[in-house]
Structures are given as C-alpha cells and as structure tokens.
Amino acid sequence: MPSSVMPTPTSGAPAAVSVVGLRKSYGDKTVLDGIDLRIPAGTVFALLGPNGAGKTTTVQILSTLISADGGQAQVAGHDLAADPQGVRAAIGVTGQFSAVDGLITGEENMLLMADLHHLPKQEGRRTAAELLERFDLT
C-alpha cells in the first residue's frame, strides 16, 4: 500500500487505548508491572509476547473482565475504573476460539457474553434461555 494511503499515527492523534502504569498481581506473583501503552485511534495494533508475558491479563483488564491493581487506563475515551459500562458499550471482544468453530454451543456463547456484561449468573441464564426460545434455537 502506498505510504500516502497508510494512516500515520502521531502523538496528537486521539488514543483508542491509553494505559499508564498498569499493574496486576495474583498473590505474590506480579503479572503486569507498570505497563504504559498508547494506541492511536484508527490504527491496527498487535499485542505479542511469549507465554506468561501478560497479554491475556492486559486484554482482560482493558475489556473490564478483571480489575487492575494500579495504574490508569482509558478505552475509547472511557476510564476503566470510572466508566466500565462505557468501555463495554464501545468495544467488542472475542476470544481466541469462537463459537463458530464448534467448540462451544450457542448457549455457552450467550452465557459468556452475559459474563462479559457482568450480569448476575441467574439473570444471564434466564436471558440466554429466553433468547434461545425466542429465535427457535432450543
């Protein structure tokens, strides 16, 4: 692709993701130790590293599945700590393995989405059952 067509990230571009000093520990095991990250809006970003480098933990924090122990982060202009619902409304997340590969059922996929939206277990199960019935997927 010609360079004139490629987006050129600049320090003045709005950030899709902004992270300063992100920390996470499990007991005495530190898995994130002060990560700083800035991903300009409109860019493609890959988070690569060896097993145990903290990639999954970082994604789980940025998608509001778990909370950080320290640091500040914004996703799509929403502060993770102050506005997690705004983050969830602005993003879409899928795991490495999706429902279309036959590993999980439609019901399991909906229950996963209910968990991602932090619905209480009972409400998630009720909603999944209602949707399966509504769309004749039982």
N, C-alpha and C. Protein backbone atom coordinates (compact mmCIF):
# COMPACT_ATOMS: atom_id res chain seq x y z
N MET A 1 0.85 -1.18 0.00
CA MET A 1 0.00 0.00 0.00
C MET A 1 0.89 1.23 0.00
N PRO A 2 0.61 2.20 -0.87
CA PRO A 2 1.43 3.41 -0.91
C PRO A 2 1.39 4.13 0.43
N SER A 3 2.51 4.75 0.80
CA SER A 3 2.59 5.42 2.09
C SER A 3 1.59 6.57 2.20
N SER A 4 1.20 7.15 1.06
CA SER A 4 0.24 8.26 1.12
C SER A 4 -1.15 7.79 1.56
N VAL A 5 -1.42 6.48 1.47
CA VAL A 5 -2.72 5.94 1.85
C VAL A 5 -2.69 5.41 3.27
N MET A 6 -1.54 5.01 3.74
CA MET A 6 -1.42 4.44 5.08
C MET A 6 -1.61 5.51 6.14
N PRO A 7 -2.38 5.20 7.20
CA PRO A 7 -2.51 6.17 8.28
C PRO A 7 -1.18 6.35 8.99
N THR A 8 -0.87 7.56 9.35
CA THR A 8 0.36 7.86 10.06
C THR A 8 0.03 8.26 11.48
N PRO A 9 0.28 7.34 12.45
CA PRO A 9 -0.02 7.72 13.83
C PRO A 9 0.87 8.85 14.28
N THR A 10 0.26 9.81 14.95
CA THR A 10 1.03 10.91 15.50
C THR A 10 0.69 11.05 16.97
N SER A 11 1.55 11.72 17.71
CA SER A 11 1.32 11.88 19.14
C SER A 11 0.07 12.71 19.40
N GLY A 12 -0.39 13.51 18.42
CA GLY A 12 -1.59 14.32 18.59
C GLY A 12 -2.88 13.58 18.26
N ALA A 13 -2.79 12.39 17.65
CA ALA A 13 -3.99 11.63 17.30
C ALA A 13 -4.69 11.15 18.57
N PRO A 14 -6.04 11.12 18.57
CA PRO A 14 -6.73 10.62 19.75
C PRO A 14 -6.40 9.16 19.98
N ALA A 15 -6.34 8.77 21.24
CA ALA A 15 -5.99 7.40 21.57
C ALA A 15 -7.23 6.52 21.65
N ALA A 16 -7.17 5.37 21.01
CA ALA A 16 -8.22 4.36 21.19
C ALA A 16 -8.02 3.69 22.54
N VAL A 17 -6.74 3.49 22.89
CA VAL A 17 -6.38 2.89 24.18
C VAL A 17 -5.21 3.69 24.75
N SER A 18 -5.33 4.04 26.01
CA SER A 18 -4.26 4.76 26.70
C SER A 18 -4.08 4.12 28.08
N VAL A 19 -2.87 3.67 28.36
CA VAL A 19 -2.57 2.96 29.61
C VAL A 19 -1.30 3.55 30.20
N VAL A 20 -1.34 3.86 31.50
CA VAL A 20 -0.16 4.36 32.19
C VAL A 20 -0.01 3.60 33.50
N GLY A 21 1.13 2.92 33.64
CA GLY A 21 1.47 2.26 34.90
C GLY A 21 0.56 1.10 35.29
N LEU A 22 0.04 0.38 34.32
CA LEU A 22 -0.90 -0.72 34.60
C LEU A 22 -0.20 -1.83 35.38
N ARG A 23 -0.81 -2.23 36.50
CA ARG A 23 -0.25 -3.26 37.37
C ARG A 23 -1.30 -4.30 37.72
N LYS A 24 -0.85 -5.56 37.84
CA LYS A 24 -1.73 -6.64 38.30
C LYS A 24 -0.87 -7.72 38.92
N SER A 25 -1.30 -8.18 40.09
CA SER A 25 -0.64 -9.29 40.78
C SER A 25 -1.68 -10.29 41.21
N TYR A 26 -1.26 -11.53 41.31
CA TYR A 26 -2.06 -12.61 41.89
C TYR A 26 -1.24 -13.15 43.05
N GLY A 27 -1.64 -12.78 44.26
CA GLY A 27 -0.84 -13.14 45.43
C GLY A 27 0.51 -12.45 45.34
N ASP A 28 1.58 -13.23 45.46
CA ASP A 28 2.92 -12.64 45.38
C ASP A 28 3.50 -12.68 43.97
N LYS A 29 2.68 -13.11 42.98
CA LYS A 29 3.14 -13.17 41.59
C LYS A 29 2.67 -11.93 40.83
N THR A 30 3.63 -11.09 40.45
CA THR A 30 3.33 -9.89 39.65
C THR A 30 3.27 -10.30 38.19
N VAL A 31 2.12 -10.04 37.55
CA VAL A 31 1.98 -10.40 36.13
C VAL A 31 2.05 -9.18 35.21
N LEU A 32 1.70 -8.00 35.73
CA LEU A 32 1.89 -6.75 35.00
C LEU A 32 2.57 -5.78 35.95
N ASP A 33 3.68 -5.21 35.50
CA ASP A 33 4.47 -4.37 36.40
C ASP A 33 4.69 -2.99 35.79
N GLY A 34 3.61 -2.21 35.68
CA GLY A 34 3.75 -0.84 35.22
C GLY A 34 3.78 -0.68 33.72
N ILE A 35 2.81 -1.26 33.02
CA ILE A 35 2.76 -1.17 31.55
C ILE A 35 2.24 0.20 31.13
N ASP A 36 2.92 0.81 30.17
CA ASP A 36 2.48 2.04 29.52
C ASP A 36 2.20 1.69 28.05
N LEU A 37 1.07 2.17 27.55
CA LEU A 37 0.66 1.82 26.19
C LEU A 37 -0.22 2.92 25.64
N ARG A 38 0.01 3.29 24.38
CA ARG A 38 -0.85 4.25 23.71
C ARG A 38 -1.09 3.76 22.29
N ILE A 39 -2.36 3.48 21.99
CA ILE A 39 -2.74 3.01 20.66
C ILE A 39 -3.60 4.09 20.03
N PRO A 40 -3.09 4.78 19.00
CA PRO A 40 -3.88 5.83 18.37
C PRO A 40 -5.13 5.27 17.69
N ALA A 41 -6.21 6.02 17.71
CA ALA A 41 -7.43 5.63 17.02
C ALA A 41 -7.13 5.43 15.54
N GLY A 42 -7.77 4.45 14.94
CA GLY A 42 -7.62 4.21 13.51
C GLY A 42 -6.40 3.40 13.13
N THR A 43 -5.70 2.84 14.12
CA THR A 43 -4.53 2.02 13.80
C THR A 43 -4.83 0.55 14.12
N VAL A 44 -4.01 -0.30 13.60
CA VAL A 44 -4.07 -1.73 13.90
C VAL A 44 -2.92 -2.02 14.86
N PHE A 45 -3.20 -2.73 15.93
CA PHE A 45 -2.21 -2.99 16.95
C PHE A 45 -2.22 -4.48 17.29
N ALA A 46 -1.06 -5.07 17.42
CA ALA A 46 -0.94 -6.47 17.83
C ALA A 46 -0.17 -6.53 19.14
N LEU A 47 -0.70 -7.27 20.09
CA LEU A 47 -0.05 -7.46 21.38
C LEU A 47 0.59 -8.84 21.35
N LEU A 48 1.90 -8.87 21.20
CA LEU A 48 2.63 -10.12 21.03
C LEU A 48 3.62 -10.33 22.17
N GLY A 49 3.88 -11.57 22.49
CA GLY A 49 4.87 -11.89 23.51
C GLY A 49 4.80 -13.35 23.87
N PRO A 50 5.78 -13.80 24.61
CA PRO A 50 5.80 -15.22 24.99
C PRO A 50 4.72 -15.53 26.03
N ASN A 51 4.45 -16.82 26.21
CA ASN A 51 3.52 -17.24 27.25
C ASN A 51 3.97 -16.65 28.58
N GLY A 52 3.00 -16.16 29.34
CA GLY A 52 3.30 -15.60 30.65
C GLY A 52 3.72 -14.14 30.63
N ALA A 53 3.70 -13.50 29.45
CA ALA A 53 4.14 -12.11 29.35
C ALA A 53 3.09 -11.12 29.84
N GLY A 54 1.83 -11.56 30.01
CA GLY A 54 0.77 -10.68 30.49
C GLY A 54 -0.21 -10.22 29.43
N LYS A 55 -0.16 -10.82 28.25
CA LYS A 55 -1.05 -10.40 27.15
C LYS A 55 -2.52 -10.61 27.53
N THR A 56 -2.86 -11.80 27.97
CA THR A 56 -4.25 -12.10 28.32
C THR A 56 -4.72 -11.25 29.49
N THR A 57 -3.88 -11.08 30.49
CA THR A 57 -4.24 -10.24 31.63
C THR A 57 -4.51 -8.82 31.18
N THR A 58 -3.68 -8.29 30.29
CA THR A 58 -3.87 -6.93 29.78
C THR A 58 -5.21 -6.81 29.06
N VAL A 59 -5.51 -7.76 28.19
CA VAL A 59 -6.77 -7.73 27.45
C VAL A 59 -7.95 -7.88 28.41
N GLN A 60 -7.83 -8.74 29.41
CA GLN A 60 -8.91 -8.90 30.38
C GLN A 60 -9.16 -7.61 31.16
N ILE A 61 -8.12 -6.90 31.50
CA ILE A 61 -8.28 -5.62 32.20
C ILE A 61 -8.91 -4.59 31.27
N LEU A 62 -8.39 -4.47 30.05
CA LEU A 62 -8.88 -3.46 29.12
C LEU A 62 -10.32 -3.73 28.68
N SER A 63 -10.78 -4.97 28.77
CA SER A 63 -12.17 -5.29 28.42
C SER A 63 -13.06 -5.37 29.65
N THR A 64 -12.55 -4.97 30.80
CA THR A 64 -13.26 -4.87 32.09
C THR A 64 -13.63 -6.22 32.69
N LEU A 65 -13.01 -7.30 32.25
CA LEU A 65 -13.30 -8.60 32.85
C LEU A 65 -12.69 -8.73 34.24
N ILE A 66 -11.52 -8.14 34.42
CA ILE A 66 -10.88 -8.11 35.73
C ILE A 66 -10.39 -6.69 35.97
N SER A 67 -10.11 -6.37 37.22
CA SER A 67 -9.64 -5.02 37.51
C SER A 67 -8.13 -5.01 37.71
N ALA A 68 -7.55 -3.87 37.42
CA ALA A 68 -6.12 -3.68 37.64
C ALA A 68 -5.88 -3.38 39.11
N ASP A 69 -4.68 -3.66 39.56
CA ASP A 69 -4.29 -3.32 40.93
C ASP A 69 -3.75 -1.89 41.01
N GLY A 70 -3.35 -1.35 39.87
CA GLY A 70 -2.81 0.00 39.85
C GLY A 70 -2.69 0.51 38.44
N GLY A 71 -2.48 1.79 38.33
CA GLY A 71 -2.34 2.42 37.02
C GLY A 71 -3.65 3.02 36.56
N GLN A 72 -3.60 3.64 35.41
CA GLN A 72 -4.77 4.27 34.81
C GLN A 72 -4.91 3.78 33.38
N ALA A 73 -6.17 3.62 32.94
CA ALA A 73 -6.40 3.19 31.57
C ALA A 73 -7.70 3.77 31.06
N GLN A 74 -7.68 4.14 29.79
CA GLN A 74 -8.87 4.59 29.08
C GLN A 74 -8.98 3.79 27.79
N VAL A 75 -10.21 3.43 27.47
CA VAL A 75 -10.51 2.76 26.21
C VAL A 75 -11.64 3.54 25.55
N ALA A 76 -11.42 3.98 24.33
CA ALA A 76 -12.40 4.77 23.57
C ALA A 76 -12.85 5.99 24.37
N GLY A 77 -11.93 6.58 25.12
CA GLY A 77 -12.22 7.78 25.89
C GLY A 77 -12.90 7.54 27.22
N HIS A 78 -13.14 6.27 27.57
CA HIS A 78 -13.81 5.92 28.82
C HIS A 78 -12.79 5.38 29.82
N ASP A 79 -12.79 5.94 31.02
CA ASP A 79 -11.91 5.47 32.08
C ASP A 79 -12.39 4.10 32.56
N LEU A 80 -11.48 3.13 32.62
CA LEU A 80 -11.86 1.77 33.02
C LEU A 80 -12.46 1.73 34.41
N ALA A 81 -11.88 2.48 35.34
CA ALA A 81 -12.37 2.44 36.73
C ALA A 81 -13.66 3.23 36.90
N ALA A 82 -13.74 4.39 36.27
CA ALA A 82 -14.89 5.27 36.47
C ALA A 82 -16.08 4.95 35.57
N ASP A 83 -15.82 4.38 34.39
CA ASP A 83 -16.89 4.16 33.42
C ASP A 83 -16.74 2.82 32.70
N PRO A 84 -16.73 1.69 33.45
CA PRO A 84 -16.57 0.40 32.78
C PRO A 84 -17.70 0.09 31.81
N GLN A 85 -18.92 0.54 32.11
CA GLN A 85 -20.03 0.29 31.19
C GLN A 85 -19.82 1.02 29.87
N GLY A 86 -19.25 2.22 29.92
CA GLY A 86 -18.93 2.96 28.70
C GLY A 86 -17.90 2.22 27.86
N VAL A 87 -16.92 1.61 28.54
CA VAL A 87 -15.92 0.80 27.82
C VAL A 87 -16.61 -0.37 27.14
N ARG A 88 -17.43 -1.10 27.89
CA ARG A 88 -18.11 -2.28 27.33
C ARG A 88 -19.03 -1.91 26.18
N ALA A 89 -19.66 -0.74 26.25
CA ALA A 89 -20.54 -0.30 25.17
C ALA A 89 -19.77 0.08 23.91
N ALA A 90 -18.50 0.44 24.07
CA ALA A 90 -17.71 0.95 22.95
C ALA A 90 -16.90 -0.13 22.24
N ILE A 91 -16.73 -1.29 22.87
CA ILE A 91 -15.83 -2.30 22.28
C ILE A 91 -16.55 -3.61 22.02
N GLY A 92 -15.91 -4.45 21.26
CA GLY A 92 -16.33 -5.83 21.06
C GLY A 92 -15.12 -6.71 21.33
N VAL A 93 -15.34 -7.81 22.00
CA VAL A 93 -14.23 -8.70 22.35
C VAL A 93 -14.61 -10.13 21.98
N THR A 94 -13.68 -10.84 21.39
CA THR A 94 -13.88 -12.25 21.15
C THR A 94 -12.63 -12.98 21.59
N GLY A 95 -12.81 -14.19 22.04
CA GLY A 95 -11.67 -14.98 22.47
C GLY A 95 -10.92 -15.56 21.29
N GLN A 96 -9.85 -16.23 21.61
CA GLN A 96 -9.03 -16.87 20.58
C GLN A 96 -9.84 -17.93 19.84
N PHE A 97 -10.74 -18.57 20.55
CA PHE A 97 -11.59 -19.59 19.95
C PHE A 97 -13.02 -19.10 20.04
N SER A 98 -13.71 -19.04 18.92
CA SER A 98 -15.08 -18.52 18.92
C SER A 98 -16.09 -19.65 18.77
N ALA A 99 -17.35 -19.32 18.95
CA ALA A 99 -18.42 -20.31 18.89
C ALA A 99 -18.52 -20.94 17.51
N VAL A 100 -18.11 -20.24 16.47
CA VAL A 100 -18.29 -20.76 15.12
C VAL A 100 -17.38 -21.95 14.83
N ASP A 101 -16.39 -22.21 15.66
CA ASP A 101 -15.51 -23.34 15.39
C ASP A 101 -16.02 -24.63 16.02
N GLY A 102 -17.22 -24.58 16.62
CA GLY A 102 -17.82 -25.79 17.15
C GLY A 102 -17.34 -26.20 18.53
N LEU A 103 -16.50 -25.39 19.16
CA LEU A 103 -16.01 -25.76 20.48
C LEU A 103 -17.01 -25.45 21.58
N ILE A 104 -17.81 -24.38 21.38
CA ILE A 104 -18.83 -24.07 22.38
C ILE A 104 -20.18 -23.90 21.68
N THR A 105 -21.23 -24.14 22.43
CA THR A 105 -22.58 -24.05 21.88
C THR A 105 -23.04 -22.59 21.84
N GLY A 106 -24.16 -22.37 21.17
CA GLY A 106 -24.76 -21.05 21.16
C GLY A 106 -25.11 -20.60 22.56
N GLU A 107 -25.63 -21.51 23.37
CA GLU A 107 -25.97 -21.18 24.75
C GLU A 107 -24.72 -20.79 25.54
N GLU A 108 -23.66 -21.56 25.38
CA GLU A 108 -22.41 -21.23 26.08
C GLU A 108 -21.87 -19.88 25.64
N ASN A 109 -22.01 -19.58 24.35
CA ASN A 109 -21.55 -18.29 23.84
C ASN A 109 -22.37 -17.15 24.46
N MET A 110 -23.69 -17.33 24.56
CA MET A 110 -24.52 -16.29 25.18
C MET A 110 -24.21 -16.14 26.66
N LEU A 111 -23.94 -17.24 27.35
CA LEU A 111 -23.57 -17.16 28.76
C LEU A 111 -22.24 -16.43 28.93
N LEU A 112 -21.32 -16.64 28.00
CA LEU A 112 -20.05 -15.92 28.02
C LEU A 112 -20.30 -14.42 27.86
N MET A 113 -21.18 -14.05 26.92
CA MET A 113 -21.49 -12.64 26.72
C MET A 113 -22.16 -12.05 27.97
N ALA A 114 -23.02 -12.83 28.61
CA ALA A 114 -23.64 -12.36 29.86
C ALA A 114 -22.58 -12.10 30.92
N ASP A 115 -21.59 -12.98 31.00
CA ASP A 115 -20.48 -12.78 31.94
C ASP A 115 -19.69 -11.52 31.58
N LEU A 116 -19.44 -11.31 30.30
CA LEU A 116 -18.70 -10.12 29.87
C LEU A 116 -19.44 -8.84 30.23
N HIS A 117 -20.76 -8.92 30.27
CA HIS A 117 -21.57 -7.75 30.63
C HIS A 117 -21.88 -7.72 32.12
N HIS A 118 -21.23 -8.59 32.86
CA HIS A 118 -21.34 -8.64 34.32
C HIS A 118 -22.77 -8.82 34.81
N LEU A 119 -23.56 -9.60 34.07
CA LEU A 119 -24.90 -9.93 34.54
C LEU A 119 -24.78 -10.96 35.66
N PRO A 120 -25.65 -10.88 36.64
CA PRO A 120 -25.67 -11.96 37.65
C PRO A 120 -25.94 -13.30 36.96
N LYS A 121 -25.38 -14.38 37.48
CA LYS A 121 -25.48 -15.70 36.85
C LYS A 121 -26.93 -16.05 36.51
N GLN A 122 -27.84 -15.87 37.47
CA GLN A 122 -29.24 -16.23 37.26
C GLN A 122 -29.85 -15.43 36.12
N GLU A 123 -29.57 -14.13 36.07
CA GLU A 123 -30.10 -13.28 35.01
C GLU A 123 -29.52 -13.67 33.65
N GLY A 124 -28.23 -13.99 33.62
CA GLY A 124 -27.60 -14.42 32.37
C GLY A 124 -28.21 -15.70 31.83
N ARG A 125 -28.45 -16.65 32.72
CA ARG A 125 -29.07 -17.92 32.30
C ARG A 125 -30.50 -17.71 31.81
N ARG A 126 -31.24 -16.86 32.53
CA ARG A 126 -32.63 -16.59 32.12
C ARG A 126 -32.65 -15.91 30.76
N THR A 127 -31.80 -14.92 30.57
CA THR A 127 -31.75 -14.19 29.30
C THR A 127 -31.34 -15.11 28.15
N ALA A 128 -30.33 -15.94 28.38
CA ALA A 128 -29.89 -16.88 27.34
C ALA A 128 -31.02 -17.83 26.97
N ALA A 129 -31.72 -18.36 27.96
CA ALA A 129 -32.83 -19.28 27.70
C ALA A 129 -33.94 -18.58 26.91
N GLU A 130 -34.26 -17.34 27.29
CA GLU A 130 -35.29 -16.59 26.57
C GLU A 130 -34.90 -16.34 25.12
N LEU A 131 -33.65 -16.00 24.88
CA LEU A 131 -33.20 -15.73 23.51
C LEU A 131 -33.18 -17.01 22.67
N LEU A 132 -32.73 -18.10 23.25
CA LEU A 132 -32.75 -19.38 22.52
C LEU A 132 -34.16 -19.75 22.13
N GLU A 133 -35.11 -19.56 23.05
CA GLU A 133 -36.52 -19.85 22.76
C GLU A 133 -37.07 -18.89 21.72
N ARG A 134 -36.79 -17.61 21.90
CA ARG A 134 -37.32 -16.57 21.01
C ARG A 134 -36.91 -16.79 19.55
N PHE A 135 -35.67 -17.22 19.35
CA PHE A 135 -35.16 -17.42 17.99
C PHE A 135 -35.19 -18.89 17.55
N ASP A 136 -35.97 -19.69 18.29
CA ASP A 136 -36.18 -21.10 17.95
C ASP A 136 -34.86 -21.85 17.80
N LEU A 137 -34.00 -21.65 18.78
CA LEU A 137 -32.69 -22.31 18.76
C LEU A 137 -32.56 -23.37 19.85
N THR A 138 -33.68 -23.74 20.47
CA THR A 138 -33.60 -24.73 21.53
C THR A 138 -33.47 -26.09 20.99
